[in-house]
Amino acid sequence: MCPSYRATGEEEHSTRGRARLLHEMLAGELITDGWRSTEVRDALDLCLSCKGCRSDCPVGVDMATYKAEFLHHHYEGRRRPAAHYAMGWLPVWLGWVARTRTAGAVNALASVGPFARAAKRLGGIAREREIPGWRGRRSRGGGGGGAGPRVREGWSSSGRTPLRSTCRRRWAVRPCVCWRRRVCGWPCRPPCG
């Protein structure tokens, strides 16, 4: 079921309601603005493009594709809202922050009142929400989707040298490392010995 419909409970935010609005827009009977219709845009605005409707619907309605097509026609020859550009350029900005190592400065500016308000307005973020902080390192593909590489506990950031004795066994003099180079306590076979 559509998450935005579950949150609002309004028929226009359900898959059926959005499909009906698109049908009325294309038929031109009730909605006469065509692709410039604000009613259809407002109904599709809360669509998350999660494609949950595609798997739930017996006909296989893909509202995310319909939304993309509608927005293409709706903004054709016109400027999109600033929030669309801000979120569209976000991967480029994240790469720039990672390359220049300015995450601390960006986080500090984002916590200052006037800068935070301007960034929220530009990014289309509600005033009540906090701007999420940026981490300093980019993901190297090995972690669980985080913004930086996962560093094993007790190891240096390179992952080659132990920082201190991290073995949970009291009699170990040096760090207990198994054949997979993991700190003792991590699941591995054969067990550390």
Foldseek 3Di string as FASTA:
>chain_A
DFPVCVVPVDPLLDPVNLVVVLVCLVVCDPQPPRLQDPSSVVSCVPGPQPLPCQVVPPVRDRVSVVNVVSVCSNQPVHDDALLVVCVVCVVVVLVVCQVVQCQVVVQVQCVDPVSVVVVCVSNVHDPVDRDDGADRAADPPPDDPDRHDDDAPQADPVLPGGPAQPAPDPPDPGFFADPVRHGQPDDDPPHTD
